[in-house]
Amino acid sequence: MTIHALAGLGLFLTGAAFSQVLAFGIAAWIKARRERQIDDTLGAPAPDPTDNPK
């Protein structure tokens, strides 16, 4: 492989990794935003009774 091919492959892989990070970040932001909308509409969820120590 030539230097140009290796550089192109590196740029491609870097771009693919960045796209994955960006996609997961956007998905997490959308999920958190949706949960906030639900909480604003219905109120905070009730506490889980199994969390209480006996």
Protein backbone atom coordinates (compact mmCIF):
# COMPACT_ATOMS: atom_id res chain seq x y z
CA MET A 1 0.00 0.00 0.00
CA THR A 2 1.14 3.47 -0.66
CA ILE A 3 1.22 6.28 1.86
CA HIS A 4 -1.74 7.89 0.13
CA ALA A 5 -3.84 4.75 0.44
CA LEU A 6 -2.95 4.38 4.12
CA ALA A 7 -3.75 8.04 4.74
CA GLY A 8 -7.07 7.68 2.94
CA LEU A 9 -7.93 4.58 4.94
CA GLY A 10 -7.04 6.37 8.16
CA LEU A 11 -9.22 9.33 7.27
CA PHE A 12 -12.08 7.02 6.33
CA LEU A 13 -11.87 5.10 9.61
CA THR A 14 -11.57 8.31 11.62
CA GLY A 15 -14.64 9.70 9.88
CA ALA A 16 -16.56 6.49 10.50
CA ALA A 17 -15.65 6.51 14.20
CA PHE A 18 -16.62 10.18 14.50
CA SER A 19 -19.95 9.46 12.79
CA GLN A 20 -20.66 6.66 15.27
CA VAL A 21 -19.89 8.89 18.25
CA LEU A 22 -22.04 11.65 16.81
CA ALA A 23 -24.93 9.25 16.12
CA PHE A 24 -24.84 7.79 19.64
CA GLY A 25 -24.64 11.28 21.14
CA ILE A 26 -27.66 12.47 19.17
CA ALA A 27 -29.62 9.33 20.12
CA ALA A 28 -28.84 9.84 23.82
CA TRP A 29 -29.82 13.50 23.60
CA ILE A 30 -33.14 12.64 21.91
CA LYS A 31 -33.87 9.96 24.54
CA ALA A 32 -33.13 12.32 27.44
CA ARG A 33 -35.23 15.06 25.84
CA ARG A 34 -38.15 12.67 25.39
CA GLU A 35 -37.90 11.48 29.01
CA ARG A 36 -37.90 15.12 30.18
CA GLN A 37 -41.04 15.78 28.11
CA ILE A 38 -42.75 12.77 29.68
CA ASP A 39 -41.70 13.86 33.18
CA ASP A 40 -42.96 17.39 32.52
CA THR A 41 -46.30 16.04 31.34
CA LEU A 42 -46.90 13.26 33.87
CA GLY A 43 -44.64 14.27 36.72
CA ALA A 44 -41.71 12.37 38.13
CA PRO A 45 -42.05 8.58 38.27
CA ALA A 46 -43.12 6.97 41.52
CA PRO A 47 -40.30 5.55 43.65
CA ASP A 48 -39.57 1.87 43.20
CA PRO A 49 -40.71 0.01 46.34
CA THR A 50 -38.00 -2.63 45.87
CA ASP A 51 -35.33 0.04 46.48
CA ASN A 52 -36.36 0.58 50.10
CA PRO A 53 -34.15 -1.28 52.60
CA LYS A 54 -35.92 -3.51 55.09
